Amino acid sequence: MRMRTTLDLPDALVKEALALTKIKTKTELIKYALENIIQRQKIIGLIKYFGKINLENDIKKSEK
């Protein structure tokens, strides 16, 4: 499913982002930005679990 929308974006911001990423279209740039926001937020969510979950496995114990 796709969503068509109109955005009012600062030209300088879009031009700089296009130049830095070498992305050719504004649509691809927005998709890239959204994917990166989602990925960053998921990582932040995972970091919150750091030190709270024991990931060490004892294979000998799990075989019994």
PDB file of N, CA and C in Angstrom:
ATOM      1  N   MET A   1       0.842  -1.176   0.000  1.00  0.00           N
ATOM      2  CA  MET A   1       0.000   0.000   0.000  1.00  0.00           C
ATOM      3  C   MET A   1       0.888   1.240   0.000  1.00  0.00           C
ATOM      4  N   ARG A   2       0.487   2.245  -0.670  1.00  0.00           N
ATOM      5  CA  ARG A   2       1.237   3.498  -0.754  1.00  0.00           C
ATOM      6  C   ARG A   2       0.373   4.650  -0.273  1.00  0.00           C
ATOM      7  N   MET A   3       1.036   5.682   0.229  1.00  0.00           N
ATOM      8  CA  MET A   3       0.340   6.875   0.692  1.00  0.00           C
ATOM      9  C   MET A   3       0.873   8.075  -0.080  1.00  0.00           C
ATOM     10  N   ARG A   4       0.026   8.738  -0.779  1.00  0.00           N
ATOM     11  CA  ARG A   4       0.420   9.935  -1.510  1.00  0.00           C
ATOM     12  C   ARG A   4       0.167  11.129  -0.599  1.00  0.00           C
ATOM     13  N   THR A   5       1.171  12.015  -0.508  1.00  0.00           N
ATOM     14  CA  THR A   5       1.034  13.153   0.384  1.00  0.00           C
ATOM     15  C   THR A   5       1.814  14.338  -0.152  1.00  0.00           C
ATOM     16  N   THR A   6       1.480  15.500   0.334  1.00  0.00           N
ATOM     17  CA  THR A   6       2.183  16.723  -0.022  1.00  0.00           C
ATOM     18  C   THR A   6       2.971  17.178   1.196  1.00  0.00           C
ATOM     19  N   LEU A   7       4.242  17.475   0.994  1.00  0.00           N
ATOM     20  CA  LEU A   7       5.107  17.913   2.088  1.00  0.00           C
ATOM     21  C   LEU A   7       5.666  19.292   1.791  1.00  0.00           C
ATOM     22  N   ASP A   8       5.816  20.079   2.823  1.00  0.00           N
ATOM     23  CA  ASP A   8       6.422  21.400   2.708  1.00  0.00           C
ATOM     24  C   ASP A   8       7.786  21.325   3.389  1.00  0.00           C
ATOM     25  N   LEU A   9       8.816  21.019   2.594  1.00  0.00           N
ATOM     26  CA  LEU A   9      10.151  20.804   3.134  1.00  0.00           C
ATOM     27  C   LEU A   9      11.080  21.951   2.740  1.00  0.00           C
ATOM     28  N   PRO A  10      11.971  22.327   3.629  1.00  0.00           N
ATOM     29  CA  PRO A  10      12.946  23.377   3.288  1.00  0.00           C
ATOM     30  C   PRO A  10      13.869  22.908   2.157  1.00  0.00           C
ATOM     31  N   ASP A  11      13.972  23.709   1.101  1.00  0.00           N
ATOM     32  CA  ASP A  11      14.780  23.349  -0.064  1.00  0.00           C
ATOM     33  C   ASP A  11      16.231  23.053   0.313  1.00  0.00           C
ATOM     34  N   ALA A  12      16.808  23.878   1.153  1.00  0.00           N
ATOM     35  CA  ALA A  12      18.215  23.706   1.520  1.00  0.00           C
ATOM     36  C   ALA A  12      18.435  22.369   2.226  1.00  0.00           C
ATOM     37  N   LEU A  13      17.500  22.000   3.067  1.00  0.00           N
ATOM     38  CA  LEU A  13      17.607  20.736   3.801  1.00  0.00           C
ATOM     39  C   LEU A  13      17.531  19.551   2.842  1.00  0.00           C
ATOM     40  N   VAL A  14      16.614  19.598   1.912  1.00  0.00           N
ATOM     41  CA  VAL A  14      16.453  18.516   0.934  1.00  0.00           C
ATOM     42  C   VAL A  14      17.682  18.435   0.027  1.00  0.00           C
ATOM     43  N   LYS A  15      18.158  19.568  -0.451  1.00  0.00           N
ATOM     44  CA  LYS A  15      19.325  19.578  -1.328  1.00  0.00           C
ATOM     45  C   LYS A  15      20.556  19.026  -0.622  1.00  0.00           C
ATOM     46  N   GLU A  16      20.757  19.414   0.633  1.00  0.00           N
ATOM     47  CA  GLU A  16      21.905  18.915   1.380  1.00  0.00           C
ATOM     48  C   GLU A  16      21.807  17.410   1.600  1.00  0.00           C
ATOM     49  N   ALA A  17      20.621  16.929   1.959  1.00  0.00           N
ATOM     50  CA  ALA A  17      20.424  15.495   2.182  1.00  0.00           C
ATOM     51  C   ALA A  17      20.630  14.707   0.892  1.00  0.00           C
ATOM     52  N   LEU A  18      20.150  15.217  -0.226  1.00  0.00           N
ATOM     53  CA  LEU A  18      20.351  14.548  -1.510  1.00  0.00           C
ATOM     54  C   LEU A  18      21.838  14.481  -1.858  1.00  0.00           C
ATOM     55  N   ALA A  19      22.546  15.563  -1.612  1.00  0.00           N
ATOM     56  CA  ALA A  19      23.974  15.604  -1.916  1.00  0.00           C
ATOM     57  C   ALA A  19      24.764  14.646  -1.023  1.00  0.00           C
ATOM     58  N   LEU A  20      24.436  14.625   0.255  1.00  0.00           N
ATOM     59  CA  LEU A  20      25.165  13.773   1.198  1.00  0.00           C
ATOM     60  C   LEU A  20      24.919  12.286   0.955  1.00  0.00           C
ATOM     61  N   THR A  21      23.701  11.939   0.612  1.00  0.00           N
ATOM     62  CA  THR A  21      23.350  10.526   0.450  1.00  0.00           C
ATOM     63  C   THR A  21      23.524  10.028  -0.973  1.00  0.00           C
ATOM     64  N   LYS A  22      23.641  10.927  -1.920  1.00  0.00           N
ATOM     65  CA  LYS A  22      23.723  10.579  -3.360  1.00  0.00           C
ATOM     66  C   LYS A  22      22.440   9.918  -3.850  1.00  0.00           C
ATOM     67  N   ILE A  23      21.353  10.119  -3.118  1.00  0.00           N
ATOM     68  CA  ILE A  23      20.045   9.611  -3.538  1.00  0.00           C
ATOM     69  C   ILE A  23      19.515  10.539  -4.625  1.00  0.00           C
ATOM     70  N   LYS A  24      18.887   9.962  -5.625  1.00  0.00           N
ATOM     71  CA  LYS A  24      18.484  10.725  -6.815  1.00  0.00           C
ATOM     72  C   LYS A  24      17.132  11.422  -6.698  1.00  0.00           C
ATOM     73  N   THR A  25      16.182  10.832  -5.962  1.00  0.00           N
ATOM     74  CA  THR A  25      14.836  11.416  -5.933  1.00  0.00           C
ATOM     75  C   THR A  25      14.420  11.779  -4.507  1.00  0.00           C
ATOM     76  N   LYS A  26      13.516  12.726  -4.421  1.00  0.00           N
ATOM     77  CA  LYS A  26      12.992  13.131  -3.113  1.00  0.00           C
ATOM     78  C   LYS A  26      12.210  11.992  -2.464  1.00  0.00           C
ATOM     79  N   THR A  27      11.494  11.229  -3.267  1.00  0.00           N
ATOM     80  CA  THR A  27      10.728  10.105  -2.731  1.00  0.00           C
ATOM     81  C   THR A  27      11.659   9.090  -2.075  1.00  0.00           C
ATOM     82  N   GLU A  28      12.726   8.740  -2.768  1.00  0.00           N
ATOM     83  CA  GLU A  28      13.691   7.785  -2.213  1.00  0.00           C
ATOM     84  C   GLU A  28      14.367   8.365  -0.967  1.00  0.00           C
ATOM     85  N   LEU A  29      14.615   9.661  -0.976  1.00  0.00           N
ATOM     86  CA  LEU A  29      15.227  10.316   0.178  1.00  0.00           C
ATOM     87  C   LEU A  29      14.323  10.229   1.404  1.00  0.00           C
ATOM     88  N   ILE A  30      13.039  10.483   1.224  1.00  0.00           N
ATOM     89  CA  ILE A  30      12.079  10.413   2.334  1.00  0.00           C
ATOM     90  C   ILE A  30      11.971   8.972   2.834  1.00  0.00           C
ATOM     91  N   LYS A  31      11.914   8.000   1.922  1.00  0.00           N
ATOM     92  CA  LYS A  31      11.865   6.593   2.331  1.00  0.00           C
ATOM     93  C   LYS A  31      13.115   6.218   3.125  1.00  0.00           C
ATOM     94  N   TYR A  32      14.265   6.661   2.654  1.00  0.00           N
ATOM     95  CA  TYR A  32      15.533   6.401   3.344  1.00  0.00           C
ATOM     96  C   TYR A  32      15.508   7.005   4.752  1.00  0.00           C
ATOM     97  N   ALA A  33      15.044   8.229   4.852  1.00  0.00           N
ATOM     98  CA  ALA A  33      14.985   8.905   6.147  1.00  0.00           C
ATOM     99  C   ALA A  33      14.035   8.180   7.105  1.00  0.00           C
ATOM    100  N   LEU A  34      12.871   7.793   6.631  1.00  0.00           N
ATOM    101  CA  LEU A  34      11.911   7.083   7.469  1.00  0.00           C
ATOM    102  C   LEU A  34      12.459   5.734   7.928  1.00  0.00           C
ATOM    103  N   GLU A  35      13.096   5.004   7.018  1.00  0.00           N
ATOM    104  CA  GLU A  35      13.684   3.711   7.388  1.00  0.00           C
ATOM    105  C   GLU A  35      14.760   3.885   8.460  1.00  0.00           C
ATOM    106  N   ASN A  36      15.555   4.948   8.327  1.00  0.00           N
ATOM    107  CA  ASN A  36      16.607   5.200   9.306  1.00  0.00           C
ATOM    108  C   ASN A  36      16.046   5.620  10.666  1.00  0.00           C
ATOM    109  N   ILE A  37      14.989   6.397  10.668  1.00  0.00           N
ATOM    110  CA  ILE A  37      14.337   6.770  11.926  1.00  0.00           C
ATOM    111  C   ILE A  37      13.809   5.523  12.628  1.00  0.00           C
ATOM    112  N   ILE A  38      13.143   4.664  11.874  1.00  0.00           N
ATOM    113  CA  ILE A  38      12.583   3.429  12.442  1.00  0.00           C
ATOM    114  C   ILE A  38      13.698   2.550  12.998  1.00  0.00           C
ATOM    115  N   GLN A  39      14.763   2.374  12.217  1.00  0.00           N
ATOM    116  CA  GLN A  39      15.882   1.542  12.671  1.00  0.00           C
ATOM    117  C   GLN A  39      16.509   2.115  13.944  1.00  0.00           C
ATOM    118  N   ARG A  40      16.730   3.415  13.982  1.00  0.00           N
ATOM    119  CA  ARG A  40      17.338   4.051  15.149  1.00  0.00           C
ATOM    120  C   ARG A  40      16.471   3.876  16.392  1.00  0.00           C
ATOM    121  N   GLN A  41      15.167   4.024  16.242  1.00  0.00           N
ATOM    122  CA  GLN A  41      14.272   3.874  17.386  1.00  0.00           C
ATOM    123  C   GLN A  41      14.230   2.434  17.885  1.00  0.00           C
ATOM    124  N   LYS A  42      14.299   1.477  16.967  1.00  0.00           N
ATOM    125  CA  LYS A  42      14.344   0.067  17.377  1.00  0.00           C
ATOM    126  C   LYS A  42      15.627  -0.228  18.137  1.00  0.00           C
ATOM    127  N   ILE A  43      16.737   0.339  17.681  1.00  0.00           N
ATOM    128  CA  ILE A  43      18.011   0.146  18.376  1.00  0.00           C
ATOM    129  C   ILE A  43      17.947   0.752  19.770  1.00  0.00           C
ATOM    130  N   ILE A  44      17.384   1.931  19.889  1.00  0.00           N
ATOM    131  CA  ILE A  44      17.226   2.578  21.195  1.00  0.00           C
ATOM    132  C   ILE A  44      16.395   1.690  22.113  1.00  0.00           C
ATOM    133  N   GLY A  45      15.347   1.087  21.563  1.00  0.00           N
ATOM    134  CA  GLY A  45      14.515   0.174  22.349  1.00  0.00           C
ATOM    135  C   GLY A  45      15.295  -1.034  22.827  1.00  0.00           C
ATOM    136  N   LEU A  46      16.164  -1.570  21.975  1.00  0.00           N
ATOM    137  CA  LEU A  46      16.976  -2.720  22.366  1.00  0.00           C
ATOM    138  C   LEU A  46      18.027  -2.352  23.403  1.00  0.00           C
ATOM    139  N   ILE A  47      18.588  -1.169  23.289  1.00  0.00           N
ATOM    140  CA  ILE A  47      19.609  -0.721  24.237  1.00  0.00           C
ATOM    141  C   ILE A  47      19.051  -0.664  25.654  1.00  0.00           C
ATOM    142  N   LYS A  48      17.769  -0.383  25.779  1.00  0.00           N
ATOM    143  CA  LYS A  48      17.137  -0.311  27.103  1.00  0.00           C
ATOM    144  C   LYS A  48      17.209  -1.647  27.842  1.00  0.00           C
ATOM    145  N   TYR A  49      17.355  -2.752  27.080  1.00  0.00           N
ATOM    146  CA  TYR A  49      17.434  -4.075  27.687  1.00  0.00           C
ATOM    147  C   TYR A  49      18.860  -4.458  28.091  1.00  0.00           C
ATOM    148  N   PHE A  50      19.844  -3.626  27.730  1.00  0.00           N
ATOM    149  CA  PHE A  50      21.241  -3.944  28.016  1.00  0.00           C
ATOM    150  C   PHE A  50      21.431  -4.186  29.508  1.00  0.00           C
ATOM    151  N   GLY A  51      21.979  -5.344  29.829  1.00  0.00           N
ATOM    152  CA  GLY A  51      22.244  -5.695  31.216  1.00  0.00           C
ATOM    153  C   GLY A  51      21.043  -6.260  31.956  1.00  0.00           C
ATOM    154  N   LYS A  52      19.892  -6.319  31.322  1.00  0.00           N
ATOM    155  CA  LYS A  52      18.679  -6.810  31.976  1.00  0.00           C
ATOM    156  C   LYS A  52      18.335  -8.243  31.578  1.00  0.00           C
ATOM    157  N   ILE A  53      18.935  -8.723  30.502  1.00  0.00           N
ATOM    158  CA  ILE A  53      18.645 -10.068  30.009  1.00  0.00           C
ATOM    159  C   ILE A  53      19.948 -10.857  29.980  1.00  0.00           C
ATOM    160  N   ASN A  54      19.911 -12.047  30.542  1.00  0.00           N
ATOM    161  CA  ASN A  54      21.073 -12.909  30.539  1.00  0.00           C
ATOM    162  C   ASN A  54      21.071 -13.718  29.247  1.00  0.00           C
ATOM    163  N   LEU A  55      22.015 -13.439  28.378  1.00  0.00           N
ATOM    164  CA  LEU A  55      22.081 -14.125  27.090  1.00  0.00           C
ATOM    165  C   LEU A  55      23.115 -15.239  27.079  1.00  0.00           C
ATOM    166  N   GLU A  56      23.749 -15.484  28.190  1.00  0.00           N
ATOM    167  CA  GLU A  56      24.734 -16.556  28.260  1.00  0.00           C
ATOM    168  C   GLU A  56      23.996 -17.890  28.361  1.00  0.00           C
ATOM    169  N   ASN A  57      24.317 -18.801  27.475  1.00  0.00           N
ATOM    170  CA  ASN A  57      23.679 -20.100  27.453  1.00  0.00           C
ATOM    171  C   ASN A  57      24.649 -21.169  27.940  1.00  0.00           C
ATOM    172  N   ASP A  58      24.159 -22.064  28.754  1.00  0.00           N
ATOM    173  CA  ASP A  58      24.945 -23.209  29.186  1.00  0.00           C
ATOM    174  C   ASP A  58      24.373 -24.421  28.451  1.00  0.00           C
ATOM    175  N   ILE A  59      25.075 -24.849  27.413  1.00  0.00           N
ATOM    176  CA  ILE A  59      24.572 -25.930  26.552  1.00  0.00           C
ATOM    177  C   ILE A  59      24.356 -27.206  27.351  1.00  0.00           C
ATOM    178  N   LYS A  60      25.237 -27.505  28.269  1.00  0.00           N
ATOM    179  CA  LYS A  60      25.099 -28.733  29.060  1.00  0.00           C
ATOM    180  C   LYS A  60      23.810 -28.710  29.883  1.00  0.00           C
ATOM    181  N   LYS A  61      23.464 -27.576  30.449  1.00  0.00           N
ATOM    182  CA  LYS A  61      22.242 -27.468  31.224  1.00  0.00           C
ATOM    183  C   LYS A  61      21.006 -27.578  30.322  1.00  0.00           C
ATOM    184  N   SER A  62      21.073 -27.014  29.109  1.00  0.00           N
ATOM    185  CA  SER A  62      19.927 -27.026  28.227  1.00  0.00           C
ATOM    186  C   SER A  62      19.679 -28.389  27.597  1.00  0.00           C
ATOM    187  N   GLU A  63      20.676 -29.292  27.600  1.00  0.00           N
ATOM    188  CA  GLU A  63      20.509 -30.627  27.024  1.00  0.00           C
ATOM    189  C   GLU A  63      19.783 -31.565  27.976  1.00  0.00           C
ATOM    190  N   LYS A  64      19.739 -31.249  29.244  1.00  0.00           N
ATOM    191  CA  LYS A  64      19.133 -32.145  30.238  1.00  0.00           C
ATOM    192  C   LYS A  64      17.640 -32.059  30.245  1.00  0.00           C
TER     193      LYS A  64
END
